[in-house]
């Protein structure tokens, strides 16, 4: 039987202020970790609130940003244990995230992502609850950011440089970070000189890692964002002004 596998990507960063990621019975908590140089590791709790056992695979990747895009590559700077597990209904298990070696030499933190995949359960033909054949097996992927602080002096806070321009009929936001730690950006709002307020981007934009530049096309029309005004954005859960030059009309 042919089976299509639908995977929905959930970035742990999308939940501002912590908590758990929940879908299809699988929960992961917390949604992000930061390893201090004095700590060799930490833990993630996986739990199953569904009505059937589930299998999960846990992998870790080095996370960088190149040419305005996220990039993940296999890495051995962090390891997870166990890398695979089965959770019974109402089951809960700790997954260790362990630094494999000394902390970074600095001056900036290192970034990783832990992927937690719920594995598909094979279904026999005609096994759907409504008696009809089903060839879709929905599972979830959770992608959780992990930051490893460097040894020595505390890294410099995020230093952001902002720009906004038109490209192919869209407004494109570009943000560079010259600091030593990441910045999480969300809820970009423009208030024009006439007092009108436009939600340029609602929800999580993403992260800007140390020494990286990220680019995000905005869904809002450039005409609605043109001219002088005030820009505000949520950075690491706090609303602040963004130093953006006016977008030309």
Protein backbone atom coordinates (compact mmCIF):
# COMPACT_ATOMS: atom_id res chain seq x y z
CA UNK A 1 0.00 0.00 0.00
CA UNK A 2 1.34 3.40 -0.93
CA UNK A 3 1.54 5.70 2.05
CA UNK A 4 2.11 9.47 1.92
CA UNK A 5 3.92 10.84 4.92
CA UNK A 6 2.94 14.34 5.96
CA UNK A 7 5.45 16.03 8.25
CA UNK A 8 4.61 19.34 9.89
CA UNK A 9 7.63 21.37 11.07
CA UNK A 10 7.23 23.05 14.44
CA UNK A 11 10.08 25.40 15.43
CA UNK A 12 10.35 25.44 19.18
CA UNK A 13 11.18 29.07 18.86
CA UNK A 14 7.66 29.79 17.81
CA UNK A 15 6.55 29.58 21.44
CA UNK A 16 7.59 32.78 23.15
CA UNK A 17 8.23 32.44 26.84
CA UNK A 18 8.74 28.69 27.09
CA UNK A 19 6.28 25.91 27.73
CA UNK A 20 5.78 22.70 25.79
CA UNK A 21 5.26 21.87 22.15
CA UNK A 22 2.20 19.65 21.78
CA UNK A 23 0.71 17.84 18.81
CA UNK A 24 -0.71 14.39 18.09
CA UNK A 25 -0.02 13.33 21.67
CA UNK A 26 3.71 14.16 21.64
CA UNK A 27 4.87 16.92 23.95
CA UNK A 28 8.39 18.31 24.35
CA UNK A 29 9.46 20.56 27.20
CA UNK A 30 11.22 22.95 27.47
CA UNK A 31 11.22 24.35 23.94
CA UNK A 32 14.78 25.69 24.11
CA UNK A 33 17.94 25.17 26.15
CA UNK A 34 21.05 27.22 26.87
CA UNK A 35 24.08 25.35 28.20
CA UNK A 36 26.30 27.47 30.43
CA UNK A 37 30.06 26.78 30.14
CA UNK A 38 29.98 25.23 33.61
CA UNK A 39 27.31 22.68 32.63
CA UNK A 40 28.05 19.58 30.58
CA UNK A 41 24.44 18.99 29.66
CA UNK A 42 20.74 19.41 30.29
CA UNK A 43 17.54 17.56 29.51
CA UNK A 44 14.36 17.56 27.45
CA UNK A 45 11.21 15.82 28.62
CA UNK A 46 9.19 13.92 26.01
CA UNK A 47 5.71 12.79 26.93
CA UNK A 48 2.78 11.11 25.21
CA UNK A 49 -0.75 12.33 25.93
CA UNK A 50 -2.25 10.41 23.02
CA UNK A 51 -4.30 7.25 23.05
CA UNK A 52 -1.65 4.95 21.55
CA UNK A 53 2.09 4.33 22.07
CA UNK A 54 4.43 6.30 19.83
CA UNK A 55 8.02 5.98 18.66
CA UNK A 56 10.33 8.98 18.44
CA UNK A 57 13.75 9.67 16.97
CA UNK A 58 15.98 12.44 18.36
CA UNK A 59 18.85 13.95 16.36
CA UNK A 60 21.11 16.96 16.81
CA UNK A 61 22.47 19.31 14.12
CA UNK A 62 24.83 22.28 14.06
CA UNK A 63 22.80 25.36 13.20
CA UNK A 64 24.28 28.23 11.20
CA UNK A 65 22.91 30.96 8.94
CA UNK A 66 24.35 31.55 5.49
CA UNK A 67 23.16 33.97 2.79
CA UNK A 68 20.11 34.90 4.83
CA UNK A 69 18.96 31.31 5.31
CA UNK A 70 19.06 28.75 8.11
CA UNK A 71 21.41 25.83 7.55
CA UNK A 72 21.65 22.60 9.57
CA UNK A 73 24.48 20.11 9.28
CA UNK A 74 25.36 16.92 11.20
CA UNK A 75 27.64 17.68 14.12
CA UNK A 76 29.23 15.98 17.09
CA UNK A 77 29.51 19.02 19.37
CA UNK A 78 26.35 17.85 21.14
CA UNK A 79 24.95 14.35 21.59
CA UNK A 80 21.54 13.16 22.74
CA UNK A 81 20.70 10.09 24.78
CA UNK A 82 18.69 8.07 24.00
CA UNK A 83 18.52 8.78 20.24
CA UNK A 84 15.37 6.66 19.86
CA UNK A 85 12.62 5.74 22.26
CA UNK A 86 9.08 4.47 22.60
CA UNK A 87 6.55 6.25 24.76
CA UNK A 88 3.49 4.39 26.04
CA UNK A 89 0.23 6.23 26.55
CA UNK A 90 0.74 8.73 29.40
CA UNK A 91 4.46 7.88 29.28
CA UNK A 92 7.23 10.38 29.95
CA UNK A 93 10.98 10.14 29.43
CA UNK A 94 14.00 12.38 29.86
CA UNK A 95 16.33 12.87 26.90
CA UNK A 96 19.81 14.08 27.82
CA UNK A 97 21.47 16.78 25.71
CA UNK A 98 25.20 16.55 26.41
CA UNK A 99 28.08 18.78 25.31
CA UNK A 100 30.69 16.56 23.71
CA UNK A 101 33.90 18.32 24.72
CA UNK A 102 34.82 21.70 26.22
CA UNK A 103 32.63 24.79 25.76
CA UNK A 104 33.29 27.04 22.75
CA UNK A 105 36.40 29.20 23.01
CA UNK A 106 34.35 32.29 22.18
CA UNK A 107 33.68 35.09 21.72
CA UNK A 108 30.20 33.95 20.62
CA UNK A 109 27.80 31.18 21.54
CA UNK A 110 27.29 28.15 19.30
CA UNK A 111 23.85 27.16 18.06
CA UNK A 112 22.35 23.72 17.48
CA UNK A 113 18.92 22.31 16.75
CA UNK A 114 17.52 19.11 18.17
CA UNK A 115 14.99 17.43 15.87
CA UNK A 116 12.40 15.27 17.59
CA UNK A 117 10.53 13.19 15.01
CA UNK A 118 7.47 11.13 15.78
CA UNK A 119 7.88 8.04 13.62
CA UNK A 120 5.00 6.84 11.43
CA UNK A 121 3.09 3.77 12.56
CA UNK A 122 2.41 1.28 9.73
CA UNK A 123 -1.29 0.79 9.08
CA UNK A 124 -2.90 -2.18 7.42
CA UNK A 125 -5.21 -1.54 4.50
CA UNK A 126 -8.71 -0.70 5.69
CA UNK A 127 -7.55 0.03 9.24
CA UNK A 128 -8.97 3.54 9.40
CA UNK A 129 -11.48 4.12 12.19
CA UNK A 130 -14.25 5.04 9.74
CA UNK A 131 -13.82 1.81 7.80
CA UNK A 132 -12.34 3.58 4.77
CA UNK A 133 -8.83 3.05 3.50
CA UNK A 134 -6.39 5.73 4.55
CA UNK A 135 -3.03 6.39 2.85
CA UNK A 136 -2.03 9.37 4.98
CA UNK A 137 -0.05 8.94 8.17
CA UNK A 138 0.37 12.26 9.95
CA UNK A 139 3.35 12.66 12.26
CA UNK A 140 5.11 15.65 13.81
CA UNK A 141 8.59 17.11 13.79
CA UNK A 142 9.74 19.45 16.56
CA UNK A 143 12.87 21.53 15.98
CA UNK A 144 14.25 22.92 19.22
CA UNK A 145 17.03 25.54 19.43
CA UNK A 146 19.97 24.74 21.73
CA UNK A 147 22.59 27.39 22.53
CA UNK A 148 26.01 26.64 24.00
CA UNK A 149 27.67 29.54 25.80
CA UNK A 150 31.41 30.10 25.36
CA UNK A 151 34.03 29.81 28.07
CA UNK A 152 35.65 32.92 29.52
CA UNK A 153 34.07 36.35 29.40
CA UNK A 154 30.32 36.64 28.90
CA UNK A 155 29.58 37.20 25.19
CA UNK A 156 28.44 40.61 24.03
CA UNK A 157 24.68 41.09 23.74
CA UNK A 158 23.03 41.03 20.33
CA UNK A 159 23.79 44.12 18.24
CA UNK A 160 21.27 44.40 15.41
CA UNK A 161 21.43 46.38 12.19
CA UNK A 162 18.18 46.73 10.25
CA UNK A 163 17.30 47.45 6.63
CA UNK A 164 14.13 47.30 4.56
CA UNK A 165 13.92 47.37 0.78
CA UNK A 166 11.79 46.36 -2.17
CA UNK A 167 12.56 43.20 -4.10
CA UNK A 168 10.36 41.75 -6.84
CA UNK A 169 7.39 43.73 -5.62
CA UNK A 170 7.79 42.71 -1.99
CA UNK A 171 9.17 44.38 1.11
CA UNK A 172 12.19 42.44 2.39
CA UNK A 173 13.52 42.84 5.92
CA UNK A 174 17.23 42.20 6.52
CA UNK A 175 18.73 42.02 10.01
CA UNK A 176 22.42 41.52 10.89
CA UNK A 177 23.74 40.61 14.33
CA UNK A 178 27.29 41.65 15.27
CA UNK A 179 26.92 40.59 18.92
CA UNK A 180 27.89 37.36 20.63
CA UNK A 181 24.42 35.91 21.35
CA UNK A 182 21.30 35.26 19.30
CA UNK A 183 18.22 37.46 19.02
CA UNK A 184 14.68 36.16 18.60
CA UNK A 185 12.43 38.45 16.54
CA UNK A 186 8.63 38.55 16.37
CA UNK A 187 5.64 40.84 15.76
CA UNK A 188 6.97 43.60 13.50
CA UNK A 189 4.66 46.65 13.56
CA UNK A 190 4.78 49.90 11.56
CA UNK A 191 3.01 53.07 12.68
CA UNK A 192 2.84 55.69 9.95
CA UNK A 193 3.17 59.43 10.39
CA UNK A 194 -0.62 59.66 10.04
CA UNK A 195 -1.09 57.34 13.05
CA UNK A 196 -2.20 54.26 11.14
CA UNK A 197 -0.77 50.99 12.43
CA UNK A 198 0.15 48.10 10.15
CA UNK A 199 1.15 44.61 11.31
CA UNK A 200 4.09 44.08 8.96
CA UNK A 201 4.63 40.58 10.33
CA UNK A 202 2.58 38.76 12.96
CA UNK A 203 4.15 36.04 15.07
CA UNK A 204 7.69 34.72 14.98
CA UNK A 205 10.04 36.03 12.32
CA UNK A 206 12.90 33.83 13.51
CA UNK A 207 16.36 34.07 15.03
CA UNK A 208 19.46 36.01 14.05
CA UNK A 209 22.56 34.13 15.23
CA UNK A 210 25.82 35.84 16.21
CA UNK A 211 27.76 37.09 13.20
CA UNK A 212 24.90 36.25 10.83
CA UNK A 213 22.47 38.10 8.58
CA UNK A 214 18.90 36.95 7.98
CA UNK A 215 16.37 38.03 5.37
CA UNK A 216 12.57 37.75 5.52
CA UNK A 217 10.11 38.70 2.75
CA UNK A 218 7.12 40.40 4.35
CA UNK A 219 3.60 39.49 3.26
CA UNK A 220 2.38 43.04 3.82
CA UNK A 221 2.27 45.23 0.71
CA UNK A 222 5.27 47.63 0.40
CA UNK A 223 2.82 50.48 -0.23
CA UNK A 224 1.37 50.00 3.29
CA UNK A 225 4.85 50.26 4.83
CA UNK A 226 6.20 53.19 2.81
CA UNK A 227 7.06 56.60 4.17
CA UNK A 228 8.16 57.92 7.55
CA UNK A 229 6.95 56.27 10.72
CA UNK A 230 7.86 54.23 13.76
CA UNK A 231 8.87 50.58 13.68
CA UNK A 232 8.50 48.28 16.67
CA UNK A 233 9.48 44.64 17.07
CA UNK A 234 9.54 42.05 19.84
CA UNK A 235 13.13 41.00 20.62
CA UNK A 236 13.53 38.08 23.03
CA UNK A 237 10.01 38.66 24.33
CA UNK A 238 10.31 42.43 24.81
CA UNK A 239 8.81 45.05 22.50
CA UNK A 240 11.30 47.71 21.39
CA UNK A 241 11.91 50.17 18.57
CA UNK A 242 13.60 48.97 15.38
CA UNK A 243 15.90 51.48 13.70
CA UNK A 244 14.57 51.15 10.14
CA UNK A 245 14.96 53.86 7.50
CA UNK A 246 11.73 54.78 5.70
CA UNK A 247 10.82 52.56 2.78
CA UNK A 248 10.67 54.64 -0.40
CA UNK A 249 7.20 55.16 -1.83
